[in-house]
Amino acid sequence: MRTVAITGAGSGIGAATAARLTSDGWKVIGVDLRGAEIEADLGNPEGRQAAVAAVTDACGGTLDALITCAGIAGLPGRPTSLLAAVNYFGTTEVMEGLRPALAKGDRPSAVAISSNSTTTAPNYSVELVEALLAGDEVEALRVADEVAGESMLEYAATKAAVAYWVRQNAVGEQWGRAGIRLNAIAPGMIATAMIEEGRGDATVAPALDQFEQTIALGRPGRPEEMAALLAFLAGTESTFFCGSIVFSDGGTDALFRTRDFPQRWVV
């Protein structure tokens, strides 16, 4: 039996993935603010440390996969620093904290959640992305609130930083070269409580309706569709994936960037 830890397991993509992997015979260790085996707040260092310690204890120090689904969306009045703390540091610090357990696993895999907003949302803060990647949380949270824009826009910045962190670390000595696969998925609009929260705001709902029109398949994705992709990447049939950001968005990224990717490498 393979063992996986899933953050954000209480709802949305995390809950769907926990259900999928449980049905596939995995031992699932769920982490969330509430409604999971381990309850922890990944928006602060103490909560992350508690989560890492609890997962390590629950898995006996050996973990085959880690999927970090915990995240929050931007909304009017919601501090950008909160998104930076949960979406970025709540991903990367848990990843690093559980890396020793993954190193002892069977064909281990770690998968983060990025977003197709990284390529479809315009003008998010490069300064915030760089501050997050620098790793100083106090400074990054200051930049988030004092330099970057509103959290609705800067959600994309936090998810871009996650993608860059995955790409940078996946090929390094402590991850890919140590036999631990590190990848991310970039979902588009998925029918989760996060989207419903946005639809409940009068200023956000029209933007979501407009964005939905960019989905070639004509509908938002389902959490179960993301769970199927995550199950593949966490499992033992995806063992040549390393440093990939896998878009699953019904065609939105292809519409926005039809010929931006792939790009020819010029030397």
C-alpha atoms as a PDB file:
ATOM      1  CA  MET A   1       0.000   0.000   0.000  1.00  0.00           C
ATOM      2  CA  ARG A   2       1.317   3.407  -1.021  1.00  0.00           C
ATOM      3  CA  THR A   3       0.999   6.358   1.349  1.00  0.00           C
ATOM      4  CA  VAL A   4       0.156   9.911   0.304  1.00  0.00           C
ATOM      5  CA  ALA A   5      -0.272  13.160   2.218  1.00  0.00           C
ATOM      6  CA  ILE A   6      -2.700  15.687   0.725  1.00  0.00           C
ATOM      7  CA  THR A   7      -3.002  19.248   1.957  1.00  0.00           C
ATOM      8  CA  GLY A   8      -6.299  20.998   1.388  1.00  0.00           C
ATOM      9  CA  ALA A   9      -7.958  17.586   1.664  1.00  0.00           C
ATOM     10  CA  GLY A  10     -11.134  18.958   3.218  1.00  0.00           C
ATOM     11  CA  SER A  11     -12.694  20.319   0.038  1.00  0.00           C
ATOM     12  CA  GLY A  12     -12.393  20.859  -3.703  1.00  0.00           C
ATOM     13  CA  ILE A  13      -9.569  19.242  -5.634  1.00  0.00           C
ATOM     14  CA  GLY A  14      -7.941  17.994  -2.441  1.00  0.00           C
ATOM     15  CA  ALA A  15     -11.071  16.188  -1.267  1.00  0.00           C
ATOM     16  CA  ALA A  16     -11.662  14.673  -4.700  1.00  0.00           C
ATOM     17  CA  THR A  17      -8.052  13.480  -4.835  1.00  0.00           C
ATOM     18  CA  ALA A  18      -8.255  11.998  -1.350  1.00  0.00           C
ATOM     19  CA  ALA A  19     -11.400  10.090  -2.376  1.00  0.00           C
ATOM     20  CA  ARG A  20      -9.829   8.915  -5.630  1.00  0.00           C
ATOM     21  CA  LEU A  21      -6.638   7.650  -4.051  1.00  0.00           C
ATOM     22  CA  THR A  22      -8.489   6.018  -1.163  1.00  0.00           C
ATOM     23  CA  SER A  23     -10.591   4.110  -3.700  1.00  0.00           C
ATOM     24  CA  ASP A  24      -7.367   3.147  -5.484  1.00  0.00           C
ATOM     25  CA  GLY A  25      -6.083   1.524  -2.304  1.00  0.00           C
ATOM     26  CA  TRP A  26      -3.744   4.237  -1.009  1.00  0.00           C
ATOM     27  CA  LYS A  27      -3.340   5.200   2.617  1.00  0.00           C
ATOM     28  CA  VAL A  28      -4.327   8.884   2.581  1.00  0.00           C
ATOM     29  CA  ILE A  29      -3.227  11.378   5.229  1.00  0.00           C
ATOM     30  CA  GLY A  30      -5.329  14.504   4.844  1.00  0.00           C
ATOM     31  CA  VAL A  31      -4.341  17.956   6.078  1.00  0.00           C
ATOM     32  CA  ASP A  32      -6.650  20.955   6.279  1.00  0.00           C
ATOM     33  CA  LEU A  33      -7.874  23.698   8.589  1.00  0.00           C
ATOM     34  CA  ARG A  34     -10.755  21.435   9.519  1.00  0.00           C
ATOM     35  CA  GLY A  35     -12.403  18.231   8.375  1.00  0.00           C
ATOM     36  CA  ALA A  36      -9.191  16.257   7.843  1.00  0.00           C
ATOM     37  CA  GLU A  37      -7.099  13.747   9.767  1.00  0.00           C
ATOM     38  CA  ILE A  38      -4.592  16.479  10.559  1.00  0.00           C
ATOM     39  CA  GLU A  39      -5.907  19.964  11.259  1.00  0.00           C
ATOM     40  CA  ALA A  40      -3.353  22.728  10.744  1.00  0.00           C
ATOM     41  CA  ASP A  41      -3.165  26.292   9.476  1.00  0.00           C
ATOM     42  CA  LEU A  42      -0.647  26.417   6.630  1.00  0.00           C
ATOM     43  CA  GLY A  43      -0.834  30.216   6.586  1.00  0.00           C
ATOM     44  CA  ASN A  44       1.813  30.525   9.288  1.00  0.00           C
ATOM     45  CA  PRO A  45       5.169  28.867  10.053  1.00  0.00           C
ATOM     46  CA  GLU A  46       3.951  27.222  13.254  1.00  0.00           C
ATOM     47  CA  GLY A  47       1.018  25.601  11.502  1.00  0.00           C
ATOM     48  CA  ARG A  48       3.243  24.295   8.724  1.00  0.00           C
ATOM     49  CA  GLN A  49       5.724  22.854  11.197  1.00  0.00           C
ATOM     50  CA  ALA A  50       2.894  21.185  13.099  1.00  0.00           C
ATOM     51  CA  ALA A  51       1.521  19.719   9.873  1.00  0.00           C
ATOM     52  CA  VAL A  52       4.912  18.361   8.831  1.00  0.00           C
ATOM     53  CA  ALA A  53       5.469  16.794  12.242  1.00  0.00           C
ATOM     54  CA  ALA A  54       2.005  15.234  12.302  1.00  0.00           C
ATOM     55  CA  VAL A  55       2.293  13.822   8.775  1.00  0.00           C
ATOM     56  CA  THR A  56       5.752  12.448   9.505  1.00  0.00           C
ATOM     57  CA  ASP A  57       4.388  10.704  12.580  1.00  0.00           C
ATOM     58  CA  ALA A  58       1.309   9.401  10.742  1.00  0.00           C
ATOM     59  CA  CYS A  59       3.358   7.904   7.906  1.00  0.00           C
ATOM     60  CA  GLY A  60       6.072   6.496  10.157  1.00  0.00           C
ATOM     61  CA  GLY A  61       8.677   8.653   8.458  1.00  0.00           C
ATOM     62  CA  THR A  62       8.114   7.158   4.991  1.00  0.00           C
ATOM     63  CA  LEU A  63       5.949   8.848   2.365  1.00  0.00           C
ATOM     64  CA  ASP A  64       5.403   7.745  -1.230  1.00  0.00           C
ATOM     65  CA  ALA A  65       3.645  10.878  -2.456  1.00  0.00           C
ATOM     66  CA  LEU A  66       2.738  14.413  -1.428  1.00  0.00           C
ATOM     67  CA  ILE A  67       0.086  16.564  -3.097  1.00  0.00           C
ATOM     68  CA  THR A  68      -0.239  20.166  -1.921  1.00  0.00           C
ATOM     69  CA  CYS A  69      -3.765  21.314  -2.776  1.00  0.00           C
ATOM     70  CA  ALA A  70      -4.208  23.869   0.023  1.00  0.00           C
ATOM     71  CA  GLY A  71      -4.793  27.350  -1.372  1.00  0.00           C
ATOM     72  CA  ILE A  72      -7.083  30.368  -1.354  1.00  0.00           C
ATOM     73  CA  ALA A  73      -8.324  32.753  -4.032  1.00  0.00           C
ATOM     74  CA  GLY A  74      -8.081  36.503  -4.153  1.00  0.00           C
ATOM     75  CA  LEU A  75     -11.146  38.535  -3.236  1.00  0.00           C
ATOM     76  CA  PRO A  76     -11.876  42.213  -2.643  1.00  0.00           C
ATOM     77  CA  GLY A  77     -10.628  43.074   0.830  1.00  0.00           C
ATOM     78  CA  ARG A  78      -8.625  39.862   1.240  1.00  0.00           C
ATOM     79  CA  PRO A  79      -4.969  40.704   1.971  1.00  0.00           C
ATOM     80  CA  THR A  80      -2.508  39.684  -0.720  1.00  0.00           C
ATOM     81  CA  SER A  81      -0.158  38.633   2.080  1.00  0.00           C
ATOM     82  CA  LEU A  82      -2.616  35.912   3.096  1.00  0.00           C
ATOM     83  CA  LEU A  83      -2.477  34.408  -0.400  1.00  0.00           C
ATOM     84  CA  ALA A  84       1.311  34.598  -0.359  1.00  0.00           C
ATOM     85  CA  ALA A  85       1.454  32.833   3.003  1.00  0.00           C
ATOM     86  CA  VAL A  86      -0.967  30.016   2.151  1.00  0.00           C
ATOM     87  CA  ASN A  87      -0.463  29.481  -1.573  1.00  0.00           C
ATOM     88  CA  TYR A  88       3.307  29.792  -1.729  1.00  0.00           C
ATOM     89  CA  PHE A  89       4.845  29.190   1.683  1.00  0.00           C
ATOM     90  CA  GLY A  90       2.095  26.729   2.591  1.00  0.00           C
ATOM     91  CA  THR A  91       3.245  24.730  -0.433  1.00  0.00           C
ATOM     92  CA  THR A  92       7.013  25.081  -0.441  1.00  0.00           C
ATOM     93  CA  GLU A  93       7.657  24.745   3.290  1.00  0.00           C
ATOM     94  CA  VAL A  94       5.490  21.639   3.527  1.00  0.00           C
ATOM     95  CA  MET A  95       7.277  20.226   0.479  1.00  0.00           C
ATOM     96  CA  GLU A  96      10.681  20.838   2.037  1.00  0.00           C
ATOM     97  CA  GLY A  97       9.591  19.634   5.454  1.00  0.00           C
ATOM     98  CA  LEU A  98       8.336  16.313   4.095  1.00  0.00           C
ATOM     99  CA  ARG A  99      11.163  15.779   1.605  1.00  0.00           C
ATOM    100  CA  PRO A 100      13.087  13.486   4.021  1.00  0.00           C
ATOM    101  CA  ALA A 101      10.036  11.239   4.310  1.00  0.00           C
ATOM    102  CA  LEU A 102       9.617  11.223   0.538  1.00  0.00           C
ATOM    103  CA  ALA A 103      13.263  10.253   0.137  1.00  0.00           C
ATOM    104  CA  LYS A 104      12.459   6.996   1.942  1.00  0.00           C
ATOM    105  CA  GLY A 105       9.398   6.261  -0.213  1.00  0.00           C
ATOM    106  CA  ASP A 106       8.838   3.921  -3.130  1.00  0.00           C
ATOM    107  CA  ARG A 107       9.294   5.815  -6.420  1.00  0.00           C
ATOM    108  CA  PRO A 108       8.304   9.002  -4.591  1.00  0.00           C
ATOM    109  CA  SER A 109       6.412  11.863  -6.165  1.00  0.00           C
ATOM    110  CA  ALA A 110       5.461  15.359  -5.044  1.00  0.00           C
ATOM    111  CA  VAL A 111       2.882  17.415  -6.940  1.00  0.00           C
ATOM    112  CA  ALA A 112       2.038  21.072  -6.335  1.00  0.00           C
ATOM    113  CA  ILE A 113      -0.958  23.050  -7.591  1.00  0.00           C
ATOM    114  CA  SER A 114      -0.158  26.022  -9.812  1.00  0.00           C
ATOM    115  CA  SER A 115      -2.796  27.644 -12.062  1.00  0.00           C
ATOM    116  CA  ASN A 116      -3.463  28.608 -15.649  1.00  0.00           C
ATOM    117  CA  SER A 117      -3.836  32.166 -14.341  1.00  0.00           C
ATOM    118  CA  THR A 118      -0.034  32.251 -14.516  1.00  0.00           C
ATOM    119  CA  THR A 119      -0.313  32.580 -18.302  1.00  0.00           C
ATOM    120  CA  THR A 120      -3.756  34.152 -18.692  1.00  0.00           C
ATOM    121  CA  ALA A 121      -3.909  36.859 -16.000  1.00  0.00           C
ATOM    122  CA  PRO A 122      -2.152  40.070 -17.106  1.00  0.00           C
ATOM    123  CA  ASN A 123       0.177  42.370 -15.199  1.00  0.00           C
ATOM    124  CA  TYR A 124       0.597  40.571 -11.899  1.00  0.00           C
ATOM    125  CA  SER A 125       3.522  41.683  -9.764  1.00  0.00           C
ATOM    126  CA  VAL A 126       6.946  40.432 -10.817  1.00  0.00           C
ATOM    127  CA  GLU A 127       8.279  41.966  -7.590  1.00  0.00           C
ATOM    128  CA  LEU A 128       6.025  39.687  -5.571  1.00  0.00           C
ATOM    129  CA  VAL A 129       7.058  36.612  -7.547  1.00  0.00           C
ATOM    130  CA  GLU A 130      10.735  37.381  -6.941  1.00  0.00           C
ATOM    131  CA  ALA A 131      10.161  38.133  -3.249  1.00  0.00           C
ATOM    132  CA  LEU A 132       8.433  34.792  -2.785  1.00  0.00           C
ATOM    133  CA  LEU A 133      11.186  32.905  -4.559  1.00  0.00           C
ATOM    134  CA  ALA A 134      13.793  34.641  -2.387  1.00  0.00           C
ATOM    135  CA  GLY A 135      12.287  32.748   0.539  1.00  0.00           C
ATOM    136  CA  ASP A 136      12.186  35.513   3.174  1.00  0.00           C
ATOM    137  CA  GLU A 137       8.565  35.266   4.306  1.00  0.00           C
ATOM    138  CA  VAL A 138       8.519  38.467   6.327  1.00  0.00           C
ATOM    139  CA  GLU A 139       9.803  40.480   3.376  1.00  0.00           C
ATOM    140  CA  ALA A 140       7.577  38.662   0.896  1.00  0.00           C
ATOM    141  CA  LEU A 141       4.470  39.425   2.928  1.00  0.00           C
ATOM    142  CA  ARG A 142       5.514  43.068   3.127  1.00  0.00           C
ATOM    143  CA  VAL A 143       5.900  43.198  -0.653  1.00  0.00           C
ATOM    144  CA  ALA A 144       2.550  41.464  -1.032  1.00  0.00           C
ATOM    145  CA  ASP A 145       0.714  44.174   0.895  1.00  0.00           C
ATOM    146  CA  GLU A 146       2.799  47.271   0.157  1.00  0.00           C
ATOM    147  CA  VAL A 147       4.077  46.781  -3.408  1.00  0.00           C
ATOM    148  CA  ALA A 148       1.864  44.240  -5.183  1.00  0.00           C
ATOM    149  CA  GLY A 149      -1.717  44.812  -6.260  1.00  0.00           C
ATOM    150  CA  GLU A 150      -5.059  43.508  -5.061  1.00  0.00           C
ATOM    151  CA  SER A 151      -5.265  39.849  -4.142  1.00  0.00           C
ATOM    152  CA  MET A 152      -7.637  39.100  -7.051  1.00  0.00           C
ATOM    153  CA  LEU A 153      -4.792  39.886  -9.441  1.00  0.00           C
ATOM    154  CA  GLU A 154      -1.913  38.599  -7.330  1.00  0.00           C
ATOM    155  CA  TYR A 155      -3.342  35.098  -6.963  1.00  0.00           C
ATOM    156  CA  ALA A 156      -1.561  34.521 -10.265  1.00  0.00           C
ATOM    157  CA  ALA A 157       1.718  35.808  -8.825  1.00  0.00           C
ATOM    158  CA  THR A 158       1.584  33.319  -5.962  1.00  0.00           C
ATOM    159  CA  LYS A 159       0.870  30.466  -8.360  1.00  0.00           C
ATOM    160  CA  ALA A 160       3.605  31.573 -10.771  1.00  0.00           C
ATOM    161  CA  ALA A 161       6.071  31.482  -7.898  1.00  0.00           C
ATOM    162  CA  VAL A 162       4.941  27.936  -7.089  1.00  0.00           C
ATOM    163  CA  ALA A 163       5.550  26.883 -10.706  1.00  0.00           C
ATOM    164  CA  TYR A 164       9.005  28.480 -10.770  1.00  0.00           C
ATOM    165  CA  TRP A 165       9.910  26.890  -7.431  1.00  0.00           C
ATOM    166  CA  VAL A 166       8.923  23.480  -8.779  1.00  0.00           C
ATOM    167  CA  ARG A 167      10.934  23.958 -11.970  1.00  0.00           C
ATOM    168  CA  GLN A 168      14.011  25.178 -10.110  1.00  0.00           C
ATOM    169  CA  ASN A 169      14.018  22.461  -7.487  1.00  0.00           C
ATOM    170  CA  ALA A 170      12.842  19.494  -9.557  1.00  0.00           C
ATOM    171  CA  VAL A 171      16.174  19.200 -11.334  1.00  0.00           C
ATOM    172  CA  GLY A 172      18.300  19.729  -8.224  1.00  0.00           C
ATOM    173  CA  GLU A 173      20.331  17.420  -6.044  1.00  0.00           C
ATOM    174  CA  GLN A 174      17.690  17.064  -3.323  1.00  0.00           C
ATOM    175  CA  TRP A 175      14.728  16.291  -5.577  1.00  0.00           C
ATOM    176  CA  GLY A 176      15.053  14.839  -9.079  1.00  0.00           C
ATOM    177  CA  ARG A 177      18.678  13.817  -8.705  1.00  0.00           C
ATOM    178  CA  ALA A 178      17.780  12.146  -5.422  1.00  0.00           C
ATOM    179  CA  GLY A 179      15.007  10.178  -7.139  1.00  0.00           C
ATOM    180  CA  ILE A 180      12.064  12.296  -5.945  1.00  0.00           C
ATOM    181  CA  ARG A 181       9.840  13.461  -8.792  1.00  0.00           C
ATOM    182  CA  LEU A 182       8.583  17.030  -8.378  1.00  0.00           C
ATOM    183  CA  ASN A 183       5.911  18.392 -10.720  1.00  0.00           C
ATOM    184  CA  ALA A 184       2.877  20.681 -10.719  1.00  0.00           C
ATOM    185  CA  ILE A 185      -0.470  20.911 -12.405  1.00  0.00           C
ATOM    186  CA  ALA A 186      -2.018  24.150 -13.667  1.00  0.00           C
ATOM    187  CA  PRO A 187      -5.807  23.835 -13.475  1.00  0.00           C
ATOM    188  CA  GLY A 188      -8.128  26.264 -15.155  1.00  0.00           C
ATOM    189  CA  MET A 189     -11.558  27.146 -13.788  1.00  0.00           C
ATOM    190  CA  ILE A 190     -12.682  24.188 -11.690  1.00  0.00           C
ATOM    191  CA  ALA A 191     -16.147  23.922 -10.130  1.00  0.00           C
ATOM    192  CA  THR A 192     -15.125  24.126  -6.473  1.00  0.00           C
ATOM    193  CA  ALA A 193     -16.127  26.095  -3.398  1.00  0.00           C
ATOM    194  CA  MET A 194     -13.344  28.556  -4.278  1.00  0.00           C
ATOM    195  CA  ILE A 195     -15.108  29.488  -7.514  1.00  0.00           C
ATOM    196  CA  GLU A 196     -18.491  29.613  -5.810  1.00  0.00           C
ATOM    197  CA  GLU A 197     -17.031  32.009  -3.253  1.00  0.00           C
ATOM    198  CA  GLY A 198     -16.021  34.299  -6.102  1.00  0.00           C
ATOM    199  CA  ARG A 199     -19.408  34.017  -7.775  1.00  0.00           C
ATOM    200  CA  GLY A 200     -20.937  35.264  -4.547  1.00  0.00           C
ATOM    201  CA  ASP A 201     -19.121  38.601  -4.876  1.00  0.00           C
ATOM    202  CA  ALA A 202     -20.773  41.157  -7.147  1.00  0.00           C
ATOM    203  CA  THR A 203     -17.458  42.480  -8.449  1.00  0.00           C
ATOM    204  CA  VAL A 204     -15.849  39.083  -9.038  1.00  0.00           C
ATOM    205  CA  ALA A 205     -18.778  37.202 -10.582  1.00  0.00           C
ATOM    206  CA  PRO A 206     -18.760  39.085 -13.938  1.00  0.00           C
ATOM    207  CA  ALA A 207     -15.027  38.421 -14.370  1.00  0.00           C
ATOM    208  CA  LEU A 208     -15.574  34.721 -13.713  1.00  0.00           C
ATOM    209  CA  ASP A 209     -18.422  34.626 -16.223  1.00  0.00           C
ATOM    210  CA  GLN A 210     -16.154  36.248 -18.806  1.00  0.00           C
ATOM    211  CA  PHE A 211     -13.289  33.884 -18.056  1.00  0.00           C
ATOM    212  CA  GLU A 212     -15.586  30.888 -18.423  1.00  0.00           C
ATOM    213  CA  GLN A 213     -16.143  31.931 -22.048  1.00  0.00           C
ATOM    214  CA  THR A 214     -12.458  31.191 -22.757  1.00  0.00           C
ATOM    215  CA  ILE A 215     -12.890  27.470 -22.043  1.00  0.00           C
ATOM    216  CA  ALA A 216     -12.996  25.680 -25.396  1.00  0.00           C
ATOM    217  CA  LEU A 217     -14.791  22.680 -23.906  1.00  0.00           C
ATOM    218  CA  GLY A 218     -17.596  24.991 -22.820  1.00  0.00           C
ATOM    219  CA  ARG A 219     -17.668  24.274 -19.092  1.00  0.00           C
ATOM    220  CA  PRO A 220     -15.600  24.493 -15.917  1.00  0.00           C
ATOM    221  CA  GLY A 221     -13.609  21.446 -14.983  1.00  0.00           C
ATOM    222  CA  ARG A 222     -14.660  18.982 -12.305  1.00  0.00           C
ATOM    223  CA  PRO A 223     -12.545  18.281  -9.200  1.00  0.00           C
ATOM    224  CA  GLU A 224     -12.612  14.592 -10.132  1.00  0.00           C
ATOM    225  CA  GLU A 225     -10.878  15.390 -13.422  1.00  0.00           C
ATOM    226  CA  MET A 226      -8.017  17.046 -11.561  1.00  0.00           C
ATOM    227  CA  ALA A 227      -7.954  14.138  -9.117  1.00  0.00           C
ATOM    228  CA  ALA A 228      -7.432  11.705 -12.004  1.00  0.00           C
ATOM    229  CA  LEU A 229      -4.454  13.710 -13.238  1.00  0.00           C
ATOM    230  CA  LEU A 230      -2.995  13.993  -9.745  1.00  0.00           C
ATOM    231  CA  ALA A 231      -3.454  10.268  -9.164  1.00  0.00           C
ATOM    232  CA  PHE A 232      -1.445   9.595 -12.319  1.00  0.00           C
ATOM    233  CA  LEU A 233       1.363  11.971 -11.378  1.00  0.00           C
ATOM    234  CA  ALA A 234       1.541  10.620  -7.831  1.00  0.00           C
ATOM    235  CA  GLY A 235       1.554   7.021  -8.979  1.00  0.00           C
ATOM    236  CA  THR A 236       4.059   4.635 -10.475  1.00  0.00           C
ATOM    237  CA  GLU A 237       3.186   5.087 -14.165  1.00  0.00           C
ATOM    238  CA  SER A 238       4.478   8.679 -14.395  1.00  0.00           C
ATOM    239  CA  THR A 239       8.046   7.992 -13.398  1.00  0.00           C
ATOM    240  CA  PHE A 240       9.660  10.050 -16.188  1.00  0.00           C
ATOM    241  CA  PHE A 241       7.872  13.280 -15.254  1.00  0.00           C
ATOM    242  CA  CYS A 242      10.256  15.735 -13.607  1.00  0.00           C
ATOM    243  CA  GLY A 243       9.830  19.523 -13.459  1.00  0.00           C
ATOM    244  CA  SER A 244       6.676  19.527 -15.586  1.00  0.00           C
ATOM    245  CA  ILE A 245       3.839  22.023 -15.221  1.00  0.00           C
ATOM    246  CA  VAL A 246       0.856  20.169 -16.655  1.00  0.00           C
ATOM    247  CA  PHE A 247      -1.986  22.419 -17.842  1.00  0.00           C
ATOM    248  CA  SER A 248      -5.490  21.003 -17.530  1.00  0.00           C
ATOM    249  CA  ASP A 249      -7.849  23.875 -18.298  1.00  0.00           C
ATOM    250  CA  GLY A 250     -10.242  22.924 -21.066  1.00  0.00           C
ATOM    251  CA  GLY A 251      -8.203  24.816 -23.665  1.00  0.00           C
ATOM    252  CA  THR A 252      -7.911  28.303 -22.138  1.00  0.00           C
ATOM    253  CA  ASP A 253      -4.117  28.413 -22.150  1.00  0.00           C
ATOM    254  CA  ALA A 254      -4.051  27.209 -25.758  1.00  0.00           C
ATOM    255  CA  LEU A 255      -6.474  29.984 -26.701  1.00  0.00           C
ATOM    256  CA  PHE A 256      -4.422  32.685 -25.003  1.00  0.00           C
ATOM    257  CA  ARG A 257      -1.001  31.364 -26.069  1.00  0.00           C
ATOM    258  CA  THR A 258      -1.617  29.495 -29.294  1.00  0.00           C
ATOM    259  CA  ARG A 259       1.933  30.051 -30.600  1.00  0.00           C
ATOM    260  CA  ASP A 260       3.708  31.259 -27.471  1.00  0.00           C
ATOM    261  CA  PHE A 261       4.537  27.690 -26.525  1.00  0.00           C
ATOM    262  CA  PRO A 262       6.565  25.803 -27.446  1.00  0.00           C
ATOM    263  CA  GLN A 263       9.208  28.399 -28.236  1.00  0.00           C
ATOM    264  CA  ARG A 264      12.306  27.775 -30.304  1.00  0.00           C
ATOM    265  CA  TRP A 265      15.512  27.908 -28.303  1.00  0.00           C
ATOM    266  CA  VAL A 266      18.029  30.302 -29.867  1.00  0.00           C
ATOM    267  CA  VAL A 267      21.730  30.146 -28.964  1.00  0.00           C
END
